[in-house]
Protein backbone atom coordinates (compact mmCIF):
# COMPACT_ATOMS: atom_id res chain seq x y z
CA UNK A 1 193.76 -36.74 108.23
CA UNK A 2 191.65 -36.63 111.35
CA UNK A 3 188.02 -36.05 110.67
CA UNK A 4 186.09 -34.15 113.29
CA UNK A 5 182.51 -35.31 113.69
CA UNK A 6 180.06 -32.49 114.13
CA UNK A 7 178.95 -32.12 117.71
CA UNK A 8 175.68 -33.82 118.38
CA UNK A 9 173.25 -31.56 120.10
CA UNK A 10 171.31 -33.12 122.97
CA UNK A 11 167.59 -33.39 122.35
CA UNK A 12 165.70 -30.32 123.35
CA UNK A 13 164.03 -30.49 126.74
CA UNK A 14 160.25 -30.73 126.38
CA UNK A 15 158.37 -27.62 127.28
CA UNK A 16 156.91 -27.90 130.77
CA UNK A 17 153.12 -28.08 130.78
CA UNK A 18 151.37 -24.82 131.38
CA UNK A 19 150.28 -24.49 134.98
CA UNK A 20 147.14 -22.57 135.70
CA UNK A 21 147.91 -20.14 138.47
CA UNK A 22 145.42 -20.12 141.30
CA UNK A 23 143.95 -16.72 141.88
CA UNK A 24 142.36 -15.44 145.03
CA UNK A 25 139.02 -15.36 143.23
CA UNK A 26 139.14 -19.14 142.59
CA UNK A 27 140.50 -20.39 145.94
CA UNK A 28 137.81 -21.85 148.18
CA UNK A 29 138.61 -21.75 151.89
CA UNK A 30 136.60 -24.14 154.04
CA UNK A 31 135.70 -22.50 157.36
CA UNK A 32 133.37 -24.92 159.13
CA UNK A 33 129.85 -26.24 159.60
CA UNK A 34 126.91 -24.92 161.62
CA UNK A 35 123.92 -26.90 162.93
CA UNK A 36 125.38 -29.99 161.21
CA UNK A 37 123.56 -28.71 158.13
CA UNK A 38 125.27 -25.66 156.61
CA UNK A 39 128.81 -25.40 155.29
CA UNK A 40 130.66 -22.10 155.64
CA UNK A 41 133.28 -21.31 153.01
CA UNK A 42 135.03 -18.26 151.62
CA UNK A 43 135.63 -17.45 147.95
CA UNK A 44 136.76 -14.19 146.39
CA UNK A 45 136.22 -12.15 149.52
CA UNK A 46 132.66 -13.38 150.07
CA UNK A 47 131.27 -15.76 152.67
CA UNK A 48 129.06 -18.58 151.38
CA UNK A 49 126.51 -20.64 153.29
CA UNK A 50 125.92 -24.03 151.64
CA UNK A 51 123.07 -26.43 152.41
CA UNK A 52 124.97 -29.73 152.46
CA UNK A 53 121.94 -31.93 151.71
CA UNK A 54 120.84 -29.80 148.74
CA UNK A 55 124.43 -29.65 147.47
CA UNK A 56 125.05 -33.38 147.77
CA UNK A 57 121.67 -34.14 146.19
CA UNK A 58 122.51 -31.98 143.17
CA UNK A 59 125.97 -33.53 142.81
CA UNK A 60 124.52 -37.06 142.86
CA UNK A 61 121.71 -36.09 140.48
CA UNK A 62 124.22 -34.68 137.98
CA UNK A 63 126.31 -37.86 138.22
CA UNK A 64 123.27 -40.04 137.63
CA UNK A 65 122.24 -38.07 134.55
CA UNK A 66 125.74 -38.04 133.07
CA UNK A 67 126.15 -41.84 133.15
CA UNK A 68 124.66 -43.91 130.37
CA UNK A 69 123.56 -46.62 132.79
CA UNK A 70 123.87 -47.06 136.54
CA UNK A 71 125.54 -50.09 138.06
CA UNK A 72 123.27 -52.15 140.31
CA UNK A 73 124.23 -54.07 143.43
CA UNK A 74 122.46 -57.35 144.05
CA UNK A 75 120.44 -57.69 147.24
CA UNK A 76 121.15 -60.74 149.38
CA UNK A 77 117.41 -61.33 149.54
CA UNK A 78 114.91 -59.88 147.05
CA UNK A 79 112.47 -57.39 148.55
CA UNK A 80 108.77 -57.58 147.71
CA UNK A 81 107.08 -54.20 147.53
CA UNK A 82 103.28 -53.89 147.73
CA UNK A 83 101.86 -51.01 145.71
CA UNK A 84 98.52 -49.47 144.95
CA UNK A 85 96.94 -50.45 141.64
CA UNK A 86 98.00 -47.16 140.01
CA UNK A 87 101.55 -47.39 141.41
CA UNK A 88 101.87 -51.00 140.31
CA UNK A 89 100.81 -50.11 136.77
CA UNK A 90 103.23 -47.22 136.41
CA UNK A 91 106.17 -49.14 137.91
CA UNK A 92 105.67 -52.21 135.71
CA UNK A 93 105.45 -49.91 132.69
CA UNK A 94 108.81 -48.35 133.55
CA UNK A 95 110.97 -51.40 134.27
CA UNK A 96 113.51 -50.42 131.60
CA UNK A 97 113.86 -46.89 132.99
CA UNK A 98 114.31 -48.34 136.47
CA UNK A 99 116.96 -50.74 135.12
CA UNK A 100 118.81 -47.84 133.49
CA UNK A 101 118.83 -46.09 136.88
CA UNK A 102 120.25 -49.17 138.64
CA UNK A 103 117.06 -50.79 139.98
CA UNK A 104 116.45 -54.45 139.12
CA UNK A 105 112.67 -54.80 139.49
CA UNK A 106 110.33 -57.46 138.19
CA UNK A 107 106.59 -57.98 138.19
CA UNK A 108 105.57 -60.29 141.04
CA UNK A 109 101.82 -60.11 140.40
CA UNK A 110 99.00 -59.06 142.70
CA UNK A 111 100.04 -55.35 142.69
CA UNK A 112 103.47 -56.34 144.04
CA UNK A 113 106.91 -55.99 142.50
CA UNK A 114 110.11 -57.81 143.44
CA UNK A 115 113.33 -55.81 143.79
CA UNK A 116 116.55 -57.79 143.21
CA UNK A 117 119.04 -54.94 142.84
CA UNK A 118 119.41 -51.27 143.68
CA UNK A 119 121.84 -48.50 142.64
CA UNK A 120 125.23 -48.66 144.33
CA UNK A 121 124.70 -45.28 146.01
CA UNK A 122 121.60 -46.60 147.84
CA UNK A 123 123.37 -49.36 149.77
CA UNK A 124 121.82 -48.43 153.13
CA UNK A 125 118.36 -47.35 152.03
CA UNK A 126 114.89 -48.70 152.79
CA UNK A 127 114.31 -50.48 149.47
CA UNK A 128 110.52 -50.70 149.72
CA UNK A 129 110.21 -47.03 150.70
CA UNK A 130 112.43 -45.99 147.77
CA UNK A 131 110.32 -47.88 145.23
CA UNK A 132 107.07 -46.62 146.77
CA UNK A 133 108.35 -43.04 146.63
CA UNK A 134 109.32 -43.37 142.98
CA UNK A 135 105.97 -44.95 142.16
CA UNK A 136 104.05 -42.28 144.03
CA UNK A 137 105.92 -39.52 142.23
CA UNK A 138 105.28 -41.04 138.84
CA UNK A 139 101.56 -41.48 139.58
CA UNK A 140 101.06 -37.95 140.87
CA UNK A 141 103.07 -36.44 138.00
CA UNK A 142 105.06 -34.15 140.26
CA UNK A 143 106.36 -30.99 138.64
CA UNK A 144 109.19 -29.97 141.00
CA UNK A 145 111.54 -31.08 138.25
CA UNK A 146 111.13 -31.52 134.51
CA UNK A 147 108.77 -34.47 134.59
CA UNK A 148 110.67 -36.89 132.46
CA UNK A 149 110.05 -40.30 134.09
CA UNK A 150 113.72 -41.28 134.19
CA UNK A 151 114.53 -37.80 135.47
CA UNK A 152 112.14 -38.29 138.39
CA UNK A 153 113.76 -41.67 139.21
CA UNK A 154 117.19 -39.97 139.27
CA UNK A 155 115.80 -37.16 141.38
CA UNK A 156 114.27 -39.50 143.95
CA UNK A 157 117.41 -41.66 144.06
CA UNK A 158 119.70 -38.67 144.60
CA UNK A 159 117.47 -37.28 147.35
CA UNK A 160 117.52 -40.59 149.25
CA UNK A 161 121.27 -41.12 148.82
CA UNK A 162 122.34 -37.58 149.75
CA UNK A 163 123.67 -36.77 153.21
CA UNK A 164 120.95 -35.26 155.39
CA UNK A 165 120.96 -32.16 157.53
CA UNK A 166 121.99 -33.23 161.02
CA UNK A 167 124.11 -36.13 159.74
CA UNK A 168 127.77 -36.24 160.75
CA UNK A 169 130.18 -35.22 157.96
CA UNK A 170 133.95 -34.99 158.17
CA UNK A 171 135.66 -31.63 157.51
CA UNK A 172 137.39 -33.23 154.51
CA UNK A 173 134.08 -34.25 152.95
CA UNK A 174 132.58 -30.82 153.54
CA UNK A 175 135.62 -29.04 152.10
CA UNK A 176 135.41 -31.11 148.91
CA UNK A 177 131.69 -30.40 148.64
CA UNK A 178 132.23 -26.66 149.14
CA UNK A 179 134.82 -26.56 146.34
CA UNK A 180 132.53 -28.42 143.95
CA UNK A 181 129.59 -26.16 144.67
CA UNK A 182 131.49 -22.89 144.38
CA UNK A 183 133.66 -23.80 141.39
CA UNK A 184 131.01 -25.58 139.28
CA UNK A 185 128.16 -23.46 137.97
CA UNK A 186 125.74 -26.39 137.61
CA UNK A 187 125.47 -27.10 141.36
CA UNK A 188 123.76 -23.87 142.46
CA UNK A 189 120.22 -25.31 142.68
CA UNK A 190 118.98 -28.70 143.89
CA UNK A 191 116.69 -30.77 141.63
CA UNK A 192 113.69 -29.34 143.53
CA UNK A 193 114.79 -25.85 142.46
CA UNK A 194 115.86 -24.72 145.94
CA UNK A 195 119.10 -22.72 146.16
CA UNK A 196 122.14 -24.72 147.26
CA UNK A 197 123.96 -21.70 148.69
CA UNK A 198 123.82 -17.98 149.23
CA UNK A 199 126.52 -15.34 149.31
CA UNK A 200 127.28 -12.74 151.98
CA UNK A 201 129.80 -10.19 150.71
CA UNK A 202 132.34 -8.55 152.95
CA UNK A 203 130.64 -5.21 152.34
CA UNK A 204 127.29 -6.59 153.50
CA UNK A 205 128.90 -8.08 156.58
CA UNK A 206 130.68 -4.87 157.50
CA UNK A 207 127.42 -2.95 157.16
CA UNK A 208 125.93 -5.18 159.84
CA UNK A 209 128.68 -4.12 162.25
CA UNK A 210 128.45 -0.43 161.33
CA UNK A 211 131.97 -0.39 159.89
CA UNK A 212 130.67 1.19 156.69
CA UNK A 213 127.50 3.05 155.83
């Protein structure tokens, strides 16, 4: 008697992952840059003008706030920073907040602090000017942003690290920035509260040329 083994079915193929289809409304087309300051991009039939400094500043600010603690890079030589009496007091009272933001600062006495490390994103900055700006902002109690002391340190750091208007930027960098701004709702205003971009619809553009009334 010949026994016939039941046919073994091959394992079922796994279901392919769902792929989100790109729609015209969510595709950002990079067009170019004007005055080495403003990015031009198209999304959903509208033309957008993006301030690259304000956009980059907001992106960096968001990244700083989302991280629990910033990594510091050690300076080859510590930098001594002279401060006014008020600035010295506020800075030495906020050494832990500065450390959380990536600044390694210690009291050097005589209204001077010593900076041994700075956030990675500030590799090419004027260290003394950065500390003096932070100190000045904390003393004056600026209200451009919610005046949480760590928040102001993040704000000042992001502003100094962000690309400036007039700086050279590659098309690839600008295209990435345009996509982040237009596809993420939390990058529409810089930490100062200024708009990062504005929209010009096709209808508004065609009105300018008298194509429609």
